[in-house]
Amino acid sequence: MGVELDDFGTGYASLLQLRRLPYTGVKIDRCFVKDAAVDPEARLIVRCIIELAHGLGLSATAEGVEDEATAALLQELKCDQAQGFQISAPLKGVELAQWMLGDGAEWRKQFAAAPLLGTAA
């Protein structure tokens, strides 16, 4: 368990923050992730953020994964985790436990051999 820098690539989530605070990962902002499967510039930004995170010994989580093509691309780019409606809608309490036993278990099986691990909401 650790602390991830949220919305990396936008606003206050800057490179300087990575040097100043002891983060364990970055969450790539959805504004880059949502177009990565169809926009070469967005794909390059996502790839570079993943490589930067890994180079610094951090994990990379993609926010806003909304379709299969984006999930497949993130696997190819060796993204560590993903969140978004392709994986699950936001869940609370008992719903999360049920998801982990049902669809979540299927998601983990499907991607067990790949580096991308789904995380609910």
PDB file of N, CA and C in Angstrom:
ATOM      1  N   MET A   1       0.846  -1.173   0.000  1.00  0.00           N
ATOM      2  CA  MET A   1       0.000   0.000   0.000  1.00  0.00           C
ATOM      3  C   MET A   1       0.890   1.234   0.000  1.00  0.00           C
ATOM      4  N   GLY A   2       0.472   2.248  -0.721  1.00  0.00           N
ATOM      5  CA  GLY A   2       1.249   3.459  -0.795  1.00  0.00           C
ATOM      6  C   GLY A   2       0.384   4.635  -1.186  1.00  0.00           C
ATOM      7  N   VAL A   3       1.038   5.686  -1.628  1.00  0.00           N
ATOM      8  CA  VAL A   3       0.350   6.912  -2.012  1.00  0.00           C
ATOM      9  C   VAL A   3       0.656   7.207  -3.471  1.00  0.00           C
ATOM     10  N   GLU A   4      -0.395   7.420  -4.269  1.00  0.00           N
ATOM     11  CA  GLU A   4      -0.212   7.733  -5.683  1.00  0.00           C
ATOM     12  C   GLU A   4      -0.508   9.203  -5.944  1.00  0.00           C
ATOM     13  N   LEU A   5       0.241   9.792  -6.851  1.00  0.00           N
ATOM     14  CA  LEU A   5       0.015  11.161  -7.279  1.00  0.00           C
ATOM     15  C   LEU A   5      -1.123  11.149  -8.292  1.00  0.00           C
ATOM     16  N   ASP A   6      -2.262  11.713  -7.913  1.00  0.00           N
ATOM     17  CA  ASP A   6      -3.478  11.674  -8.720  1.00  0.00           C
ATOM     18  C   ASP A   6      -3.425  12.696  -9.853  1.00  0.00           C
ATOM     19  N   ASP A   7      -4.126  12.395 -10.951  1.00  0.00           N
ATOM     20  CA  ASP A   7      -4.263  13.297 -12.099  1.00  0.00           C
ATOM     21  C   ASP A   7      -2.912  13.749 -12.651  1.00  0.00           C
ATOM     22  N   PHE A   8      -1.956  12.814 -12.686  1.00  0.00           N
ATOM     23  CA  PHE A   8      -0.618  13.173 -13.147  1.00  0.00           C
ATOM     24  C   PHE A   8      -0.663  13.697 -14.583  1.00  0.00           C
ATOM     25  N   GLY A   9       0.050  14.782 -14.798  1.00  0.00           N
ATOM     26  CA  GLY A   9       0.107  15.399 -16.120  1.00  0.00           C
ATOM     27  C   GLY A   9      -0.750  16.650 -16.214  1.00  0.00           C
ATOM     28  N   THR A  10      -1.532  16.942 -15.176  1.00  0.00           N
ATOM     29  CA  THR A  10      -2.390  18.127 -15.186  1.00  0.00           C
ATOM     30  C   THR A  10      -2.278  18.863 -13.850  1.00  0.00           C
ATOM     31  N   GLY A  11      -2.670  20.109 -13.848  1.00  0.00           N
ATOM     32  CA  GLY A  11      -2.777  20.893 -12.609  1.00  0.00           C
ATOM     33  C   GLY A  11      -1.541  20.866 -11.745  1.00  0.00           C
ATOM     34  N   TYR A  12      -1.742  20.549 -10.482  1.00  0.00           N
ATOM     35  CA  TYR A  12      -0.651  20.566  -9.506  1.00  0.00           C
ATOM     36  C   TYR A  12       0.161  19.282  -9.481  1.00  0.00           C
ATOM     37  N   ALA A  13      -0.245  18.294 -10.247  1.00  0.00           N
ATOM     38  CA  ALA A  13       0.457  17.008 -10.285  1.00  0.00           C
ATOM     39  C   ALA A  13       1.637  17.114 -11.245  1.00  0.00           C
ATOM     40  N   SER A  14       2.715  17.686 -10.769  1.00  0.00           N
ATOM     41  CA  SER A  14       3.853  17.980 -11.637  1.00  0.00           C
ATOM     42  C   SER A  14       5.042  17.067 -11.368  1.00  0.00           C
ATOM     43  N   LEU A  15       6.026  17.167 -12.237  1.00  0.00           N
ATOM     44  CA  LEU A  15       7.261  16.406 -12.062  1.00  0.00           C
ATOM     45  C   LEU A  15       7.952  16.786 -10.760  1.00  0.00           C
ATOM     46  N   LEU A  16       7.857  18.036 -10.378  1.00  0.00           N
ATOM     47  CA  LEU A  16       8.480  18.494  -9.146  1.00  0.00           C
ATOM     48  C   LEU A  16       7.930  17.735  -7.941  1.00  0.00           C
ATOM     49  N   GLN A  17       6.637  17.424  -7.955  1.00  0.00           N
ATOM     50  CA  GLN A  17       6.029  16.675  -6.861  1.00  0.00           C
ATOM     51  C   GLN A  17       6.675  15.302  -6.701  1.00  0.00           C
ATOM     52  N   LEU A  18       7.056  14.683  -7.811  1.00  0.00           N
ATOM     53  CA  LEU A  18       7.678  13.360  -7.736  1.00  0.00           C
ATOM     54  C   LEU A  18       9.013  13.397  -7.005  1.00  0.00           C
ATOM     55  N   ARG A  19       9.696  14.519  -7.073  1.00  0.00           N
ATOM     56  CA  ARG A  19      10.990  14.646  -6.399  1.00  0.00           C
ATOM     57  C   ARG A  19      10.842  15.040  -4.945  1.00  0.00           C
ATOM     58  N   ARG A  20       9.778  15.748  -4.614  1.00  0.00           N
ATOM     59  CA  ARG A  20       9.622  16.287  -3.264  1.00  0.00           C
ATOM     60  C   ARG A  20       8.932  15.349  -2.283  1.00  0.00           C
ATOM     61  N   LEU A  21       8.024  14.519  -2.773  1.00  0.00           N
ATOM     62  CA  LEU A  21       7.201  13.697  -1.871  1.00  0.00           C
ATOM     63  C   LEU A  21       7.389  12.212  -2.161  1.00  0.00           C
ATOM     64  N   PRO A  22       7.224  11.381  -1.148  1.00  0.00           N
ATOM     65  CA  PRO A  22       7.495   9.939  -1.302  1.00  0.00           C
ATOM     66  C   PRO A  22       6.325   9.146  -1.895  1.00  0.00           C
ATOM     67  N   TYR A  23       5.991   9.404  -3.130  1.00  0.00           N
ATOM     68  CA  TYR A  23       4.913   8.679  -3.790  1.00  0.00           C
ATOM     69  C   TYR A  23       5.371   7.275  -4.160  1.00  0.00           C
ATOM     70  N   THR A  24       4.396   6.358  -4.265  1.00  0.00           N
ATOM     71  CA  THR A  24       4.694   5.000  -4.717  1.00  0.00           C
ATOM     72  C   THR A  24       4.181   4.771  -6.133  1.00  0.00           C
ATOM     73  N   GLY A  25       3.409   5.737  -6.648  1.00  0.00           N
ATOM     74  CA  GLY A  25       2.873   5.594  -7.994  1.00  0.00           C
ATOM     75  C   GLY A  25       2.247   6.877  -8.500  1.00  0.00           C
ATOM     76  N   VAL A  26       1.929   6.860  -9.785  1.00  0.00           N
ATOM     77  CA  VAL A  26       1.229   7.985 -10.414  1.00  0.00           C
ATOM     78  C   VAL A  26      -0.046   7.459 -11.055  1.00  0.00           C
ATOM     79  N   LYS A  27      -1.067   8.314 -11.061  1.00  0.00           N
ATOM     80  CA  LYS A  27      -2.314   7.989 -11.747  1.00  0.00           C
ATOM     81  C   LYS A  27      -2.395   8.913 -12.952  1.00  0.00           C
ATOM     82  N   ILE A  28      -2.336   8.320 -14.124  1.00  0.00           N
ATOM     83  CA  ILE A  28      -2.324   9.086 -15.374  1.00  0.00           C
ATOM     84  C   ILE A  28      -3.711   9.667 -15.607  1.00  0.00           C
ATOM     85  N   ASP A  29      -3.786  10.969 -15.755  1.00  0.00           N
ATOM     86  CA  ASP A  29      -5.074  11.644 -15.890  1.00  0.00           C
ATOM     87  C   ASP A  29      -5.856  11.132 -17.095  1.00  0.00           C
ATOM     88  N   ARG A  30      -7.157  11.019 -16.895  1.00  0.00           N
ATOM     89  CA  ARG A  30      -8.060  10.488 -17.923  1.00  0.00           C
ATOM     90  C   ARG A  30      -8.040  11.309 -19.214  1.00  0.00           C
ATOM     91  N   CYS A  31      -7.670  12.579 -19.148  1.00  0.00           N
ATOM     92  CA  CYS A  31      -7.668  13.386 -20.378  1.00  0.00           C
ATOM     93  C   CYS A  31      -6.668  12.847 -21.401  1.00  0.00           C
ATOM     94  N   PHE A  32      -5.626  12.160 -20.950  1.00  0.00           N
ATOM     95  CA  PHE A  32      -4.673  11.519 -21.860  1.00  0.00           C
ATOM     96  C   PHE A  32      -5.114  10.100 -22.199  1.00  0.00           C
ATOM     97  N   VAL A  33      -5.594   9.366 -21.192  1.00  0.00           N
ATOM     98  CA  VAL A  33      -5.940   7.959 -21.348  1.00  0.00           C
ATOM     99  C   VAL A  33      -7.102   7.768 -22.311  1.00  0.00           C
ATOM    100  N   LYS A  34      -8.125   8.621 -22.223  1.00  0.00           N
ATOM    101  CA  LYS A  34      -9.356   8.402 -23.000  1.00  0.00           C
ATOM    102  C   LYS A  34      -9.126   8.409 -24.505  1.00  0.00           C
ATOM    103  N   ASP A  35      -8.109   9.108 -24.980  1.00  0.00           N
ATOM    104  CA  ASP A  35      -7.841   9.196 -26.419  1.00  0.00           C
ATOM    105  C   ASP A  35      -6.627   8.386 -26.866  1.00  0.00           C
ATOM    106  N   ALA A  36      -5.971   7.716 -25.940  1.00  0.00           N
ATOM    107  CA  ALA A  36      -4.696   7.059 -26.253  1.00  0.00           C
ATOM    108  C   ALA A  36      -4.798   5.999 -27.340  1.00  0.00           C
ATOM    109  N   ALA A  37      -5.922   5.328 -27.451  1.00  0.00           N
ATOM    110  CA  ALA A  37      -6.061   4.273 -28.457  1.00  0.00           C
ATOM    111  C   ALA A  37      -6.224   4.832 -29.867  1.00  0.00           C
ATOM    112  N   VAL A  38      -6.596   6.112 -29.993  1.00  0.00           N
ATOM    113  CA  VAL A  38      -6.866   6.677 -31.317  1.00  0.00           C
ATOM    114  C   VAL A  38      -6.020   7.900 -31.657  1.00  0.00           C
ATOM    115  N   ASP A  39      -5.353   8.483 -30.674  1.00  0.00           N
ATOM    116  CA  ASP A  39      -4.588   9.714 -30.886  1.00  0.00           C
ATOM    117  C   ASP A  39      -3.109   9.447 -30.597  1.00  0.00           C
ATOM    118  N   PRO A  40      -2.255   9.535 -31.625  1.00  0.00           N
ATOM    119  CA  PRO A  40      -0.833   9.245 -31.420  1.00  0.00           C
ATOM    120  C   PRO A  40      -0.165  10.122 -30.365  1.00  0.00           C
ATOM    121  N   GLU A  41      -0.560  11.383 -30.256  1.00  0.00           N
ATOM    122  CA  GLU A  41       0.043  12.261 -29.250  1.00  0.00           C
ATOM    123  C   GLU A  41      -0.352  11.835 -27.844  1.00  0.00           C
ATOM    124  N   ALA A  42      -1.623  11.512 -27.631  1.00  0.00           N
ATOM    125  CA  ALA A  42      -2.076  11.047 -26.323  1.00  0.00           C
ATOM    126  C   ALA A  42      -1.391   9.731 -25.968  1.00  0.00           C
ATOM    127  N   ARG A  43      -1.257   8.837 -26.949  1.00  0.00           N
ATOM    128  CA  ARG A  43      -0.589   7.549 -26.734  1.00  0.00           C
ATOM    129  C   ARG A  43       0.867   7.767 -26.314  1.00  0.00           C
ATOM    130  N   LEU A  44       1.551   8.691 -26.964  1.00  0.00           N
ATOM    131  CA  LEU A  44       2.941   8.988 -26.627  1.00  0.00           C
ATOM    132  C   LEU A  44       3.056   9.520 -25.203  1.00  0.00           C
ATOM    133  N   ILE A  45       2.152  10.405 -24.822  1.00  0.00           N
ATOM    134  CA  ILE A  45       2.174  10.953 -23.467  1.00  0.00           C
ATOM    135  C   ILE A  45       1.952   9.842 -22.449  1.00  0.00           C
ATOM    136  N   VAL A  46       0.976   8.986 -22.681  1.00  0.00           N
ATOM    137  CA  VAL A  46       0.698   7.875 -21.763  1.00  0.00           C
ATOM    138  C   VAL A  46       1.908   6.954 -21.679  1.00  0.00           C
ATOM    139  N   ARG A  47       2.479   6.604 -22.819  1.00  0.00           N
ATOM    140  CA  ARG A  47       3.657   5.721 -22.826  1.00  0.00           C
ATOM    141  C   ARG A  47       4.809   6.343 -22.039  1.00  0.00           C
ATOM    142  N   CYS A  48       5.047   7.623 -22.249  1.00  0.00           N
ATOM    143  CA  CYS A  48       6.152   8.303 -21.559  1.00  0.00           C
ATOM    144  C   CYS A  48       5.918   8.382 -20.051  1.00  0.00           C
ATOM    145  N   ILE A  49       4.682   8.615 -19.639  1.00  0.00           N
ATOM    146  CA  ILE A  49       4.384   8.660 -18.202  1.00  0.00           C
ATOM    147  C   ILE A  49       4.606   7.277 -17.580  1.00  0.00           C
ATOM    148  N   ILE A  50       4.172   6.233 -18.260  1.00  0.00           N
ATOM    149  CA  ILE A  50       4.385   4.874 -17.748  1.00  0.00           C
ATOM    150  C   ILE A  50       5.875   4.589 -17.620  1.00  0.00           C
ATOM    151  N   GLU A  51       6.642   4.918 -18.652  1.00  0.00           N
ATOM    152  CA  GLU A  51       8.086   4.679 -18.623  1.00  0.00           C
ATOM    153  C   GLU A  51       8.770   5.524 -17.554  1.00  0.00           C
ATOM    154  N   LEU A  52       8.339   6.772 -17.382  1.00  0.00           N
ATOM    155  CA  LEU A  52       8.888   7.632 -16.337  1.00  0.00           C
ATOM    156  C   LEU A  52       8.621   7.033 -14.964  1.00  0.00           C
ATOM    157  N   ALA A  53       7.374   6.629 -14.737  1.00  0.00           N
ATOM    158  CA  ALA A  53       7.016   6.029 -13.446  1.00  0.00           C
ATOM    159  C   ALA A  53       7.879   4.802 -13.176  1.00  0.00           C
ATOM    160  N   HIS A  54       7.952   3.903 -14.134  1.00  0.00           N
ATOM    161  CA  HIS A  54       8.739   2.684 -13.944  1.00  0.00           C
ATOM    162  C   HIS A  54      10.215   2.999 -13.737  1.00  0.00           C
ATOM    163  N   GLY A  55      10.725   3.981 -14.466  1.00  0.00           N
ATOM    164  CA  GLY A  55      12.120   4.378 -14.308  1.00  0.00           C
ATOM    165  C   GLY A  55      12.431   4.921 -12.922  1.00  0.00           C
ATOM    166  N   LEU A  56      11.424   5.500 -12.276  1.00  0.00           N
ATOM    167  CA  LEU A  56      11.580   6.034 -10.920  1.00  0.00           C
ATOM    168  C   LEU A  56      11.193   5.016  -9.851  1.00  0.00           C
ATOM    169  N   GLY A  57      10.880   3.793 -10.297  1.00  0.00           N
ATOM    170  CA  GLY A  57      10.501   2.751  -9.353  1.00  0.00           C
ATOM    171  C   GLY A  57       9.075   2.891  -8.842  1.00  0.00           C
ATOM    172  N   LEU A  58       8.220   3.574  -9.599  1.00  0.00           N
ATOM    173  CA  LEU A  58       6.833   3.801  -9.208  1.00  0.00           C
ATOM    174  C   LEU A  58       5.888   2.964 -10.067  1.00  0.00           C
ATOM    175  N   SER A  59       4.683   2.763  -9.582  1.00  0.00           N
ATOM    176  CA  SER A  59       3.662   2.105 -10.392  1.00  0.00           C
ATOM    177  C   SER A  59       2.911   3.162 -11.201  1.00  0.00           C
ATOM    178  N   ALA A  60       2.268   2.717 -12.260  1.00  0.00           N
ATOM    179  CA  ALA A  60       1.466   3.595 -13.115  1.00  0.00           C
ATOM    180  C   ALA A  60       0.045   3.058 -13.171  1.00  0.00           C
ATOM    181  N   THR A  61      -0.920   3.930 -12.874  1.00  0.00           N
ATOM    182  CA  THR A  61      -2.339   3.583 -12.937  1.00  0.00           C
ATOM    183  C   THR A  61      -3.001   4.497 -13.952  1.00  0.00           C
ATOM    184  N   ALA A  62      -3.741   3.935 -14.878  1.00  0.00           N
ATOM    185  CA  ALA A  62      -4.456   4.718 -15.889  1.00  0.00           C
ATOM    186  C   ALA A  62      -5.877   4.986 -15.407  1.00  0.00           C
ATOM    187  N   GLU A  63      -6.282   6.239 -15.422  1.00  0.00           N
ATOM    188  CA  GLU A  63      -7.642   6.630 -15.056  1.00  0.00           C
ATOM    189  C   GLU A  63      -8.501   6.714 -16.307  1.00  0.00           C
ATOM    190  N   GLY A  64      -9.771   6.432 -16.163  1.00  0.00           N
ATOM    191  CA  GLY A  64     -10.714   6.650 -17.258  1.00  0.00           C
ATOM    192  C   GLY A  64     -10.649   5.642 -18.384  1.00  0.00           C
ATOM    193  N   VAL A  65     -10.400   4.376 -18.070  1.00  0.00           N
ATOM    194  CA  VAL A  65     -10.372   3.331 -19.094  1.00  0.00           C
ATOM    195  C   VAL A  65     -11.823   2.965 -19.418  1.00  0.00           C
ATOM    196  N   GLU A  66     -12.262   3.361 -20.611  1.00  0.00           N
ATOM    197  CA  GLU A  66     -13.677   3.241 -20.951  1.00  0.00           C
ATOM    198  C   GLU A  66     -13.978   2.216 -22.034  1.00  0.00           C
ATOM    199  N   ASP A  67     -12.946   1.634 -22.661  1.00  0.00           N
ATOM    200  CA  ASP A  67     -13.219   0.675 -23.733  1.00  0.00           C
ATOM    201  C   ASP A  67     -12.112  -0.363 -23.816  1.00  0.00           C
ATOM    202  N   GLU A  68     -12.424  -1.435 -24.546  1.00  0.00           N
ATOM    203  CA  GLU A  68     -11.506  -2.554 -24.695  1.00  0.00           C
ATOM    204  C   GLU A  68     -10.209  -2.162 -25.399  1.00  0.00           C
ATOM    205  N   ALA A  69     -10.301  -1.297 -26.401  1.00  0.00           N
ATOM    206  CA  ALA A  69      -9.104  -0.894 -27.149  1.00  0.00           C
ATOM    207  C   ALA A  69      -8.107  -0.176 -26.238  1.00  0.00           C
ATOM    208  N   THR A  70      -8.610   0.666 -25.352  1.00  0.00           N
ATOM    209  CA  THR A  70      -7.735   1.385 -24.432  1.00  0.00           C
ATOM    210  C   THR A  70      -7.120   0.417 -23.433  1.00  0.00           C
ATOM    211  N   ALA A  71      -7.915  -0.513 -22.911  1.00  0.00           N
ATOM    212  CA  ALA A  71      -7.391  -1.511 -21.971  1.00  0.00           C
ATOM    213  C   ALA A  71      -6.291  -2.341 -22.631  1.00  0.00           C
ATOM    214  N   ALA A  72      -6.502  -2.743 -23.880  1.00  0.00           N
ATOM    215  CA  ALA A  72      -5.504  -3.537 -24.602  1.00  0.00           C
ATOM    216  C   ALA A  72      -4.223  -2.734 -24.819  1.00  0.00           C
ATOM    217  N   LEU A  73      -4.359  -1.467 -25.175  1.00  0.00           N
ATOM    218  CA  LEU A  73      -3.187  -0.613 -25.371  1.00  0.00           C
ATOM    219  C   LEU A  73      -2.398  -0.484 -24.076  1.00  0.00           C
ATOM    220  N   LEU A  74      -3.087  -0.291 -22.970  1.00  0.00           N
ATOM    221  CA  LEU A  74      -2.413  -0.139 -21.684  1.00  0.00           C
ATOM    222  C   LEU A  74      -1.669  -1.406 -21.299  1.00  0.00           C
ATOM    223  N   GLN A  75      -2.219  -2.554 -21.625  1.00  0.00           N
ATOM    224  CA  GLN A  75      -1.502  -3.812 -21.400  1.00  0.00           C
ATOM    225  C   GLN A  75      -0.219  -3.832 -22.219  1.00  0.00           C
ATOM    226  N   GLU A  76      -0.355  -3.448 -23.478  1.00  0.00           N
ATOM    227  CA  GLU A  76       0.811  -3.421 -24.378  1.00  0.00           C
ATOM    228  C   GLU A  76       1.894  -2.476 -23.854  1.00  0.00           C
ATOM    229  N   LEU A  77       1.478  -1.351 -23.266  1.00  0.00           N
ATOM    230  CA  LEU A  77       2.417  -0.356 -22.740  1.00  0.00           C
ATOM    231  C   LEU A  77       2.929  -0.706 -21.347  1.00  0.00           C
ATOM    232  N   LYS A  78       2.470  -1.851 -20.811  1.00  0.00           N
ATOM    233  CA  LYS A  78       2.895  -2.346 -19.497  1.00  0.00           C
ATOM    234  C   LYS A  78       2.461  -1.440 -18.348  1.00  0.00           C
ATOM    235  N   CYS A  79       1.268  -0.872 -18.482  1.00  0.00           N
ATOM    236  CA  CYS A  79       0.676  -0.101 -17.387  1.00  0.00           C
ATOM    237  C   CYS A  79       0.334  -1.079 -16.261  1.00  0.00           C
ATOM    238  N   ASP A  80       0.567  -0.676 -15.027  1.00  0.00           N
ATOM    239  CA  ASP A  80       0.397  -1.577 -13.888  1.00  0.00           C
ATOM    240  C   ASP A  80      -1.057  -1.800 -13.477  1.00  0.00           C
ATOM    241  N   GLN A  81      -1.846  -0.732 -13.521  1.00  0.00           N
ATOM    242  CA  GLN A  81      -3.230  -0.823 -13.075  1.00  0.00           C
ATOM    243  C   GLN A  81      -4.099   0.104 -13.910  1.00  0.00           C
ATOM    244  N   ALA A  82      -5.403  -0.134 -13.824  1.00  0.00           N
ATOM    245  CA  ALA A  82      -6.344   0.713 -14.556  1.00  0.00           C
ATOM    246  C   ALA A  82      -7.614   0.867 -13.747  1.00  0.00           C
ATOM    247  N   GLN A  83      -8.291   1.956 -13.998  1.00  0.00           N
ATOM    248  CA  GLN A  83      -9.604   2.142 -13.410  1.00  0.00           C
ATOM    249  C   GLN A  83     -10.491   2.832 -14.424  1.00  0.00           C
ATOM    250  N   GLY A  84     -11.759   2.512 -14.390  1.00  0.00           N
ATOM    251  CA  GLY A  84     -12.706   3.105 -15.313  1.00  0.00           C
ATOM    252  C   GLY A  84     -13.861   2.170 -15.583  1.00  0.00           C
ATOM    253  N   PHE A  85     -14.820   2.643 -16.328  1.00  0.00           N
ATOM    254  CA  PHE A  85     -16.038   1.884 -16.567  1.00  0.00           C
ATOM    255  C   PHE A  85     -15.813   0.616 -17.379  1.00  0.00           C
ATOM    256  N   GLN A  86     -14.709   0.492 -18.112  1.00  0.00           N
ATOM    257  CA  GLN A  86     -14.404  -0.773 -18.801  1.00  0.00           C
ATOM    258  C   GLN A  86     -14.221  -1.879 -17.772  1.00  0.00           C
ATOM    259  N   ILE A  87     -13.755  -1.513 -16.596  1.00  0.00           N
ATOM    260  CA  ILE A  87     -13.506  -2.478 -15.540  1.00  0.00           C
ATOM    261  C   ILE A  87     -14.715  -2.588 -14.620  1.00  0.00           C
ATOM    262  N   SER A  88     -15.191  -1.434 -14.129  1.00  0.00           N
ATOM    263  CA  SER A  88     -16.345  -1.421 -13.237  1.00  0.00           C
ATOM    264  C   SER A  88     -16.793   0.011 -13.001  1.00  0.00           C
ATOM    265  N   ALA A  89     -18.078   0.179 -12.741  1.00  0.00           N
ATOM    266  CA  ALA A  89     -18.588   1.457 -12.252  1.00  0.00           C
ATOM    267  C   ALA A  89     -18.088   1.625 -10.813  1.00  0.00           C
ATOM    268  N   PRO A  90     -18.086   2.846 -10.273  1.00  0.00           N
ATOM    269  CA  PRO A  90     -17.694   3.016  -8.870  1.00  0.00           C
ATOM    270  C   PRO A  90     -18.566   2.154  -7.953  1.00  0.00           C
ATOM    271  N   LEU A  91     -17.931   1.544  -6.961  1.00  0.00           N
ATOM    272  CA  LEU A  91     -18.629   0.624  -6.057  1.00  0.00           C
ATOM    273  C   LEU A  91     -18.370   0.993  -4.600  1.00  0.00           C
ATOM    274  N   LYS A  92     -19.310   0.613  -3.740  1.00  0.00           N
ATOM    275  CA  LYS A  92     -19.163   0.825  -2.302  1.00  0.00           C
ATOM    276  C   LYS A  92     -19.369  -0.500  -1.571  1.00  0.00           C
ATOM    277  N   GLY A  93     -18.721  -0.631  -0.428  1.00  0.00           N
ATOM    278  CA  GLY A  93     -18.939  -1.706   0.519  1.00  0.00           C
ATOM    279  C   GLY A  93     -19.240  -3.077  -0.044  1.00  0.00           C
ATOM    280  N   VAL A  94     -20.476  -3.542   0.221  1.00  0.00           N
ATOM    281  CA  VAL A  94     -20.899  -4.886  -0.177  1.00  0.00           C
ATOM    282  C   VAL A  94     -20.812  -5.065  -1.690  1.00  0.00           C
ATOM    283  N   GLU A  95     -21.135  -4.016  -2.448  1.00  0.00           N
ATOM    284  CA  GLU A  95     -21.053  -4.107  -3.916  1.00  0.00           C
ATOM    285  C   GLU A  95     -19.635  -4.439  -4.354  1.00  0.00           C
ATOM    286  N   LEU A  96     -18.643  -3.829  -3.702  1.00  0.00           N
ATOM    287  CA  LEU A  96     -17.250  -4.098  -4.049  1.00  0.00           C
ATOM    288  C   LEU A  96     -16.904  -5.558  -3.756  1.00  0.00           C
ATOM    289  N   ALA A  97     -17.315  -6.047  -2.604  1.00  0.00           N
ATOM    290  CA  ALA A  97     -17.048  -7.448  -2.255  1.00  0.00           C
ATOM    291  C   ALA A  97     -17.684  -8.387  -3.279  1.00  0.00           C
ATOM    292  N   GLN A  98     -18.920  -8.094  -3.681  1.00  0.00           N
ATOM    293  CA  GLN A  98     -19.597  -8.927  -4.680  1.00  0.00           C
ATOM    294  C   GLN A  98     -18.873  -8.863  -6.018  1.00  0.00           C
ATOM    295  N   TRP A  99     -18.416  -7.681  -6.404  1.00  0.00           N
ATOM    296  CA  TRP A  99     -17.684  -7.520  -7.664  1.00  0.00           C
ATOM    297  C   TRP A  99     -16.391  -8.333  -7.629  1.00  0.00           C
ATOM    298  N   MET A 100     -15.673  -8.264  -6.498  1.00  0.00           N
ATOM    299  CA  MET A 100     -14.402  -8.985  -6.374  1.00  0.00           C
ATOM    300  C   MET A 100     -14.603 -10.495  -6.532  1.00  0.00           C
ATOM    301  N   LEU A 101     -15.735 -10.999  -6.060  1.00  0.00           N
ATOM    302  CA  LEU A 101     -16.017 -12.431  -6.173  1.00  0.00           C
ATOM    303  C   LEU A 101     -16.577 -12.819  -7.537  1.00  0.00           C
ATOM    304  N   GLY A 102     -17.201 -11.875  -8.235  1.00  0.00           N
ATOM    305  CA  GLY A 102     -17.830 -12.159  -9.530  1.00  0.00           C
ATOM    306  C   GLY A 102     -17.008 -11.626 -10.683  1.00  0.00           C
ATOM    307  N   ASP A 103     -17.407 -10.477 -11.225  1.00  0.00           N
ATOM    308  CA  ASP A 103     -16.735  -9.885 -12.382  1.00  0.00           C
ATOM    309  C   ASP A 103     -15.268  -9.578 -12.120  1.00  0.00           C
ATOM    310  N   GLY A 104     -14.957  -9.176 -10.901  1.00  0.00           N
ATOM    311  CA  GLY A 104     -13.567  -8.872 -10.566  1.00  0.00           C
ATOM    312  C   GLY A 104     -12.674 -10.089 -10.700  1.00  0.00           C
ATOM    313  N   ALA A 105     -13.187 -11.232 -10.280  1.00  0.00           N
ATOM    314  CA  ALA A 105     -12.421 -12.470 -10.410  1.00  0.00           C
ATOM    315  C   ALA A 105     -12.195 -12.807 -11.879  1.00  0.00           C
ATOM    316  N   GLU A 106     -13.214 -12.609 -12.699  1.00  0.00           N
ATOM    317  CA  GLU A 106     -13.081 -12.848 -14.148  1.00  0.00           C
ATOM    318  C   GLU A 106     -12.069 -11.887 -14.761  1.00  0.00           C
ATOM    319  N   TRP A 107     -12.124 -10.608 -14.344  1.00  0.00           N
ATOM    320  CA  TRP A 107     -11.174  -9.606 -14.852  1.00  0.00           C
ATOM    321  C   TRP A 107      -9.751 -10.024 -14.518  1.00  0.00           C
ATOM    322  N   ARG A 108      -9.516 -10.439 -13.273  1.00  0.00           N
ATOM    323  CA  ARG A 108      -8.168 -10.842 -12.860  1.00  0.00           C
ATOM    324  C   ARG A 108      -7.687 -12.060 -13.642  1.00  0.00           C
ATOM    325  N   LYS A 109      -8.575 -13.022 -13.886  1.00  0.00           N
ATOM    326  CA  LYS A 109      -8.190 -14.208 -14.667  1.00  0.00           C
ATOM    327  C   LYS A 109      -7.805 -13.823 -16.090  1.00  0.00           C
ATOM    328  N   GLN A 110      -8.611 -12.957 -16.694  1.00  0.00           N
ATOM    329  CA  GLN A 110      -8.382 -12.561 -18.078  1.00  0.00           C
ATOM    330  C   GLN A 110      -7.041 -11.868 -18.243  1.00  0.00           C
ATOM    331  N   PHE A 111      -6.636 -11.090 -17.253  1.00  0.00           N
ATOM    332  CA  PHE A 111      -5.418 -10.302 -17.380  1.00  0.00           C
ATOM    333  C   PHE A 111      -4.287 -10.799 -16.478  1.00  0.00           C
ATOM    334  N   ALA A 112      -4.428 -11.980 -15.918  1.00  0.00           N
ATOM    335  CA  ALA A 112      -3.426 -12.489 -14.977  1.00  0.00           C
ATOM    336  C   ALA A 112      -2.036 -12.592 -15.603  1.00  0.00           C
ATOM    337  N   ALA A 113      -1.960 -12.951 -16.863  1.00  0.00           N
ATOM    338  CA  ALA A 113      -0.660 -13.099 -17.516  1.00  0.00           C
ATOM    339  C   ALA A 113      -0.093 -11.766 -17.997  1.00  0.00           C
ATOM    340  N   ALA A 114      -0.946 -10.735 -18.008  1.00  0.00           N
ATOM    341  CA  ALA A 114      -0.519  -9.428 -18.502  1.00  0.00           C
ATOM    342  C   ALA A 114      -0.199  -8.523 -17.323  1.00  0.00           C
ATOM    343  N   PRO A 115       0.591  -7.464 -17.556  1.00  0.00           N
ATOM    344  CA  PRO A 115       0.978  -6.585 -16.462  1.00  0.00           C
ATOM    345  C   PRO A 115      -0.176  -5.715 -15.931  1.00  0.00           C
ATOM    346  N   LEU A 116      -1.208  -5.489 -16.711  1.00  0.00           N
ATOM    347  CA  LEU A 116      -2.294  -4.613 -16.295  1.00  0.00           C
ATOM    348  C   LEU A 116      -3.215  -5.320 -15.317  1.00  0.00           C
ATOM    349  N   LEU A 117      -3.412  -4.731 -14.157  1.00  0.00           N
ATOM    350  CA  LEU A 117      -4.311  -5.284 -13.145  1.00  0.00           C
ATOM    351  C   LEU A 117      -5.470  -4.321 -12.973  1.00  0.00           C
ATOM    352  N   GLY A 118      -6.688  -4.795 -13.093  1.00  0.00           N
ATOM    353  CA  GLY A 118      -7.852  -3.937 -12.925  1.00  0.00           C
ATOM    354  C   GLY A 118      -8.075  -3.575 -11.488  1.00  0.00           C
ATOM    355  N   THR A 119      -8.493  -2.328 -11.246  1.00  0.00           N
ATOM    356  CA  THR A 119      -8.861  -1.910  -9.905  1.00  0.00           C
ATOM    357  C   THR A 119     -10.226  -1.257 -10.000  1.00  0.00           C
ATOM    358  N   ALA A 120     -11.095  -1.615  -9.121  1.00  0.00           N
ATOM    359  CA  ALA A 120     -12.437  -1.047  -9.139  1.00  0.00           C
ATOM    360  C   ALA A 120     -12.379   0.425  -8.791  1.00  0.00           C
ATOM    361  N   ALA A 121     -13.153   1.207  -9.547  1.00  0.00           N
ATOM    362  CA  ALA A 121     -13.312   2.650  -9.352  1.00  0.00           C
ATOM    363  C   ALA A 121     -12.134   3.208  -8.691  1.00  0.00           C
TER     364      ALA A 121
END
